[in-house]
PDB file of all heavy atoms in Angstrom:
ATOM      1  N   ILE A   1      87.610  85.378 105.932  1.00  0.00           N
ATOM      2  CA  ILE A   1      88.513  85.990 104.964  1.00  0.00           C
ATOM      3  C   ILE A   1      89.916  85.436 105.205  1.00  0.00           C
ATOM      4  O   ILE A   1      90.323  85.231 106.355  1.00  0.00           O
ATOM      5  CB  ILE A   1      88.520  87.527 105.100  1.00  0.00           C
ATOM      6  CG1 ILE A   1      87.090  88.077 105.165  1.00  0.00           C
ATOM      7  CG2 ILE A   1      89.263  88.179 103.932  1.00  0.00           C
ATOM      8  CD1 ILE A   1      87.008  89.525 105.589  1.00  0.00           C
ATOM      9  N   CYS A   2      90.672  85.254 104.108  1.00  0.00           N
ATOM     10  CA  CYS A   2      91.962  84.540 104.165  1.00  0.00           C
ATOM     11  C   CYS A   2      92.925  85.092 105.210  1.00  0.00           C
ATOM     12  O   CYS A   2      93.211  84.445 106.222  1.00  0.00           O
ATOM     13  CB  CYS A   2      92.659  84.593 102.804  1.00  0.00           C
ATOM     14  SG  CYS A   2      91.694  83.999 101.406  1.00  0.00           S
ATOM     15  N   GLN A   3      93.484  86.262 104.949  1.00  0.00           N
ATOM     16  CA  GLN A   3      94.586  86.804 105.737  1.00  0.00           C
ATOM     17  C   GLN A   3      94.235  86.967 107.217  1.00  0.00           C
ATOM     18  O   GLN A   3      94.984  86.514 108.090  1.00  0.00           O
ATOM     19  CB  GLN A   3      95.045  88.128 105.135  1.00  0.00           C
ATOM     20  CG  GLN A   3      96.362  88.655 105.680  1.00  0.00           C
ATOM     21  CD  GLN A   3      96.853  89.862 104.887  1.00  0.00           C
ATOM     22  OE1 GLN A   3      96.190  90.339 103.966  1.00  0.00           O
ATOM     23  NE2 GLN A   3      98.022  90.370 105.229  1.00  0.00           N
ATOM     24  N   PRO A   4      93.099  87.586 107.555  1.00  0.00           N
ATOM     25  CA  PRO A   4      92.808  87.747 108.974  1.00  0.00           C
ATOM     26  C   PRO A   4      92.521  86.446 109.708  1.00  0.00           C
ATOM     27  O   PRO A   4      92.875  86.303 110.880  1.00  0.00           O
ATOM     28  CB  PRO A   4      91.594  88.691 108.990  1.00  0.00           C
ATOM     29  CG  PRO A   4      91.032  88.635 107.620  1.00  0.00           C
ATOM     30  CD  PRO A   4      92.158  88.341 106.703  1.00  0.00           C
ATOM     31  N   ASN A   5      91.889  85.469 109.053  1.00  0.00           N
ATOM     32  CA  ASN A   5      91.634  84.221 109.779  1.00  0.00           C
ATOM     33  C   ASN A   5      92.916  83.425 109.981  1.00  0.00           C
ATOM     34  O   ASN A   5      93.077  82.738 110.998  1.00  0.00           O
ATOM     35  CB  ASN A   5      90.588  83.362 109.074  1.00  0.00           C
ATOM     36  CG  ASN A   5      89.947  82.378 110.040  1.00  0.00           C
ATOM     37  OD1 ASN A   5      89.406  82.753 111.071  1.00  0.00           O
ATOM     38  ND2 ASN A   5      90.057  81.089 109.731  1.00  0.00           N
ATOM     39  N   ARG A   6      93.851  83.538 109.042  1.00  0.00           N
ATOM     40  CA  ARG A   6      95.153  82.895 109.248  1.00  0.00           C
ATOM     41  C   ARG A   6      95.896  83.554 110.407  1.00  0.00           C
ATOM     42  O   ARG A   6      96.580  82.876 111.184  1.00  0.00           O
ATOM     43  CB  ARG A   6      95.969  82.959 107.953  1.00  0.00           C
ATOM     44  CG  ARG A   6      95.452  81.998 106.883  1.00  0.00           C
ATOM     45  CD  ARG A   6      96.086  82.214 105.519  1.00  0.00           C
ATOM     46  NE  ARG A   6      95.531  81.268 104.561  1.00  0.00           N
ATOM     47  CZ  ARG A   6      96.082  80.106 104.210  1.00  0.00           C
ATOM     48  NH1 ARG A   6      97.257  79.755 104.741  1.00  0.00           N
ATOM     49  NH2 ARG A   6      95.506  79.303 103.351  1.00  0.00           N
ATOM     50  N   ALA A   7      95.756  84.873 110.549  1.00  0.00           N
ATOM     51  CA  ALA A   7      96.367  85.550 111.695  1.00  0.00           C
ATOM     52  C   ALA A   7      95.730  85.081 112.999  1.00  0.00           C
ATOM     53  O   ALA A   7      96.411  84.916 114.012  1.00  0.00           O
ATOM     54  CB  ALA A   7      96.227  87.062 111.543  1.00  0.00           C
ATOM     55  N   ALA A   8      94.412  84.862 112.985  1.00  0.00           N
ATOM     56  CA  ALA A   8      93.732  84.368 114.181  1.00  0.00           C
ATOM     57  C   ALA A   8      94.210  82.965 114.538  1.00  0.00           C
ATOM     58  O   ALA A   8      94.422  82.649 115.717  1.00  0.00           O
ATOM     59  CB  ALA A   8      92.218  84.374 113.957  1.00  0.00           C
ATOM     60  N   LEU A   9      94.385  82.118 113.548  1.00  0.00           N
ATOM     61  CA  LEU A   9      94.899  80.769 113.790  1.00  0.00           C
ATOM     62  C   LEU A   9      96.301  80.809 114.388  1.00  0.00           C
ATOM     63  O   LEU A   9      96.625  80.031 115.287  1.00  0.00           O
ATOM     64  CB  LEU A   9      94.919  79.970 112.481  1.00  0.00           C
ATOM     65  CG  LEU A   9      93.563  79.525 111.926  1.00  0.00           C
ATOM     66  CD1 LEU A   9      93.690  79.131 110.460  1.00  0.00           C
ATOM     67  CD2 LEU A   9      93.003  78.358 112.740  1.00  0.00           C
ATOM     68  N   MET A  10      97.139  81.712 113.895  1.00  0.00           N
ATOM     69  CA  MET A  10      98.528  81.780 114.351  1.00  0.00           C
ATOM     70  C   MET A  10      98.656  82.386 115.749  1.00  0.00           C
ATOM     71  O   MET A  10      99.491  81.946 116.544  1.00  0.00           O
ATOM     72  CB  MET A  10      99.360  82.602 113.369  1.00  0.00           C
ATOM     73  CG  MET A  10      99.583  81.944 112.012  1.00  0.00           C
ATOM     74  SD  MET A  10     100.508  80.403 112.124  1.00  0.00           S
ATOM     75  CE  MET A  10     102.066  80.981 112.764  1.00  0.00           C
ATOM     76  N   THR A  11      97.842  83.404 116.049  1.00  0.00           N
ATOM     77  CA  THR A  11      98.011  84.156 117.291  1.00  0.00           C
ATOM     78  C   THR A  11      97.048  83.749 118.398  1.00  0.00           C
ATOM     79  O   THR A  11      97.258  84.121 119.558  1.00  0.00           O
ATOM     80  CB  THR A  11      97.821  85.661 117.041  1.00  0.00           C
ATOM     81  OG1 THR A  11      96.462  85.894 116.605  1.00  0.00           O
ATOM     82  CG2 THR A  11      98.788  86.172 115.986  1.00  0.00           C
ATOM     83  N   GLY A  12      95.975  83.028 118.052  1.00  0.00           N
ATOM     84  CA  GLY A  12      94.959  82.723 119.044  1.00  0.00           C
ATOM     85  C   GLY A  12      94.183  83.942 119.485  1.00  0.00           C
ATOM     86  O   GLY A  12      93.587  83.951 120.561  1.00  0.00           O
ATOM     87  N   GLN A  13      94.143  84.973 118.635  1.00  0.00           N
ATOM     88  CA  GLN A  13      93.475  86.233 118.982  1.00  0.00           C
ATOM     89  C   GLN A  13      92.436  86.607 117.937  1.00  0.00           C
ATOM     90  O   GLN A  13      92.604  86.333 116.738  1.00  0.00           O
ATOM     91  CB  GLN A  13      94.494  87.370 119.072  1.00  0.00           C
ATOM     92  CG  GLN A  13      95.486  87.245 120.209  1.00  0.00           C
ATOM     93  CD  GLN A  13      96.465  88.409 120.229  1.00  0.00           C
ATOM     94  OE1 GLN A  13      96.932  88.869 119.188  1.00  0.00           O
ATOM     95  NE2 GLN A  13      96.780  88.900 121.423  1.00  0.00           N
ATOM     96  N   MET A  14      91.378  87.276 118.393  1.00  0.00           N
ATOM     97  CA  MET A  14      90.394  87.841 117.482  1.00  0.00           C
ATOM     98  C   MET A  14      91.070  88.886 116.593  1.00  0.00           C
ATOM     99  O   MET A  14      92.072  89.500 116.982  1.00  0.00           O
ATOM    100  CB  MET A  14      89.254  88.484 118.265  1.00  0.00           C
ATOM    101  CG  MET A  14      88.468  87.533 119.158  1.00  0.00           C
ATOM    102  SD  MET A  14      87.594  86.243 118.251  1.00  0.00           S
ATOM    103  CE  MET A  14      86.417  87.196 117.286  1.00  0.00           C
ATOM    104  N   THR A  15      90.499  89.110 115.427  1.00  0.00           N
ATOM    105  CA  THR A  15      91.096  90.071 114.501  1.00  0.00           C
ATOM    106  C   THR A  15      91.065  91.487 115.061  1.00  0.00           C
ATOM    107  O   THR A  15      91.933  92.305 114.754  1.00  0.00           O
ATOM    108  CB  THR A  15      90.375  90.039 113.145  1.00  0.00           C
ATOM    109  OG1 THR A  15      89.000  90.382 113.322  1.00  0.00           O
ATOM    110  CG2 THR A  15      90.444  88.657 112.531  1.00  0.00           C
ATOM    111  N   SER A  16      90.087  91.802 115.908  1.00  0.00           N
ATOM    112  CA  SER A  16      90.022  93.122 116.517  1.00  0.00           C
ATOM    113  C   SER A  16      91.137  93.328 117.532  1.00  0.00           C
ATOM    114  O   SER A  16      91.415  94.459 117.935  1.00  0.00           O
ATOM    115  CB  SER A  16      88.664  93.325 117.205  1.00  0.00           C
ATOM    116  OG  SER A  16      88.414  92.277 118.130  1.00  0.00           O
ATOM    117  N   VAL A  17      91.798  92.244 117.931  1.00  0.00           N
ATOM    118  CA  VAL A  17      92.892  92.332 118.893  1.00  0.00           C
ATOM    119  C   VAL A  17      94.249  92.224 118.200  1.00  0.00           C
ATOM    120  O   VAL A  17      95.162  93.003 118.479  1.00  0.00           O
ATOM    121  CB  VAL A  17      92.746  91.240 119.974  1.00  0.00           C
ATOM    122  CG1 VAL A  17      93.966  91.182 120.885  1.00  0.00           C
ATOM    123  CG2 VAL A  17      91.484  91.487 120.790  1.00  0.00           C
ATOM    124  N   ASN A  18      94.398  91.271 117.273  1.00  0.00           N
ATOM    125  CA  ASN A  18      95.708  91.153 116.600  1.00  0.00           C
ATOM    126  C   ASN A  18      95.894  92.210 115.515  1.00  0.00           C
ATOM    127  O   ASN A  18      96.994  92.366 114.983  1.00  0.00           O
ATOM    128  CB  ASN A  18      95.933  89.740 116.055  1.00  0.00           C
ATOM    129  CG  ASN A  18      94.989  89.348 114.934  1.00  0.00           C
ATOM    130  OD1 ASN A  18      94.696  90.131 114.040  1.00  0.00           O
ATOM    131  ND2 ASN A  18      94.510  88.105 114.965  1.00  0.00           N
ATOM    132  N   GLY A  19      94.840  92.953 115.186  1.00  0.00           N
ATOM    133  CA  GLY A  19      94.956  94.071 114.252  1.00  0.00           C
ATOM    134  C   GLY A  19      94.784  93.717 112.798  1.00  0.00           C
ATOM    135  O   GLY A  19      94.591  94.595 111.960  1.00  0.00           O
ATOM    136  N   CYS A  20      94.837  92.435 112.452  1.00  0.00           N
ATOM    137  CA  CYS A  20      94.693  92.003 111.054  1.00  0.00           C
ATOM    138  C   CYS A  20      93.210  91.782 110.773  1.00  0.00           C
ATOM    139  O   CYS A  20      92.744  90.656 110.678  1.00  0.00           O
ATOM    140  CB  CYS A  20      95.502  90.731 110.812  1.00  0.00           C
ATOM    141  SG  CYS A  20      95.514  90.187 109.099  1.00  0.00           S
ATOM    142  N   ARG A  21      92.472  92.879 110.642  1.00  0.00           N
ATOM    143  CA  ARG A  21      91.019  92.779 110.573  1.00  0.00           C
ATOM    144  C   ARG A  21      90.497  92.551 109.152  1.00  0.00           C
ATOM    145  O   ARG A  21      89.311  92.280 108.974  1.00  0.00           O
ATOM    146  CB  ARG A  21      90.383  94.039 111.173  1.00  0.00           C
ATOM    147  CG  ARG A  21      90.705  95.309 110.428  1.00  0.00           C
ATOM    148  CD  ARG A  21      90.129  96.547 111.109  1.00  0.00           C
ATOM    149  NE  ARG A  21      90.430  97.745 110.342  1.00  0.00           N
ATOM    150  CZ  ARG A  21      91.535  98.467 110.489  1.00  0.00           C
ATOM    151  NH1 ARG A  21      92.430  98.096 111.386  1.00  0.00           N
ATOM    152  NH2 ARG A  21      91.747  99.535 109.742  1.00  0.00           N
ATOM    153  N   GLN A  22      91.361  92.680 108.141  1.00  0.00           N
ATOM    154  CA  GLN A  22      90.915  92.495 106.754  1.00  0.00           C
ATOM    155  C   GLN A  22      92.119  92.126 105.904  1.00  0.00           C
ATOM    156  O   GLN A  22      93.270  92.289 106.321  1.00  0.00           O
ATOM    157  CB  GLN A  22      90.298  93.789 106.225  1.00  0.00           C
ATOM    158  CG  GLN A  22      91.319  94.918 106.073  1.00  0.00           C
ATOM    159  CD  GLN A  22      90.705  96.239 105.692  1.00  0.00           C
ATOM    160  OE1 GLN A  22      89.991  96.847 106.478  1.00  0.00           O
ATOM    161  NE2 GLN A  22      90.979  96.675 104.456  1.00  0.00           N
ATOM    162  N   ASN A  23      91.864  91.606 104.719  1.00  0.00           N
ATOM    163  CA  ASN A  23      92.943  91.435 103.750  1.00  0.00           C
ATOM    164  C   ASN A  23      93.597  92.793 103.512  1.00  0.00           C
ATOM    165  O   ASN A  23      92.914  93.796 103.338  1.00  0.00           O
ATOM    166  CB  ASN A  23      92.411  90.890 102.431  1.00  0.00           C
ATOM    167  CG  ASN A  23      92.189  89.379 102.466  1.00  0.00           C
ATOM    168  OD1 ASN A  23      92.566  88.706 103.419  1.00  0.00           O
ATOM    169  ND2 ASN A  23      91.583  88.852 101.415  1.00  0.00           N
ATOM    170  N   GLY A  24      94.933  92.813 103.513  1.00  0.00           N
ATOM    171  CA  GLY A  24      95.651  94.057 103.298  1.00  0.00           C
ATOM    172  C   GLY A  24      96.300  94.608 104.547  1.00  0.00           C
ATOM    173  O   GLY A  24      97.013  95.607 104.478  1.00  0.00           O
ATOM    174  N   ILE A  25      96.047  93.979 105.703  1.00  0.00           N
ATOM    175  CA  ILE A  25      96.724  94.365 106.941  1.00  0.00           C
ATOM    176  C   ILE A  25      97.580  93.184 107.381  1.00  0.00           C
ATOM    177  O   ILE A  25      97.055  92.135 107.744  1.00  0.00           O
ATOM    178  CB  ILE A  25      95.740  94.749 108.054  1.00  0.00           C
ATOM    179  CG1 ILE A  25      94.861  95.930 107.619  1.00  0.00           C
ATOM    180  CG2 ILE A  25      96.502  95.091 109.336  1.00  0.00           C
ATOM    181  CD1 ILE A  25      93.830  96.340 108.653  1.00  0.00           C
ATOM    182  N   PRO A  26      98.912  93.302 107.349  1.00  0.00           N
ATOM    183  CA  PRO A  26      99.771  92.177 107.710  1.00  0.00           C
ATOM    184  C   PRO A  26      99.645  91.818 109.195  1.00  0.00           C
ATOM    185  O   PRO A  26      99.249  92.643 110.023  1.00  0.00           O
ATOM    186  CB  PRO A  26     101.184  92.675 107.403  1.00  0.00           C
ATOM    187  CG  PRO A  26     101.018  93.901 106.566  1.00  0.00           C
ATOM    188  CD  PRO A  26      99.686  94.484 106.935  1.00  0.00           C
ATOM    189  N   MET A  27     100.001  90.602 109.499  1.00  0.00           N
ATOM    190  CA  MET A  27     100.147  90.213 110.894  1.00  0.00           C
ATOM    191  C   MET A  27     101.391  90.894 111.453  1.00  0.00           C
ATOM    192  O   MET A  27     102.439  90.931 110.800  1.00  0.00           O
ATOM    193  CB  MET A  27     100.277  88.684 110.990  1.00  0.00           C
ATOM    194  CG  MET A  27     100.316  88.164 112.404  1.00  0.00           C
ATOM    195  SD  MET A  27      99.982  86.392 112.508  1.00  0.00           S
ATOM    196  CE  MET A  27     101.297  85.709 111.497  1.00  0.00           C
ATOM    197  N   GLY A  28     101.278  91.472 112.637  1.00  0.00           N
ATOM    198  CA  GLY A  28     102.384  92.216 113.200  1.00  0.00           C
ATOM    199  C   GLY A  28     103.617  91.354 113.434  1.00  0.00           C
ATOM    200  O   GLY A  28     103.519  90.222 113.907  1.00  0.00           O
TER     201      GLY A  28
END
């Protein structure tokens, strides 16, 4: 999914850790 995988690319973290687990949750 777009938004969470981009957060994973940016942070090097799984979505369950960076919190952006779905579209609609911003990267912190």
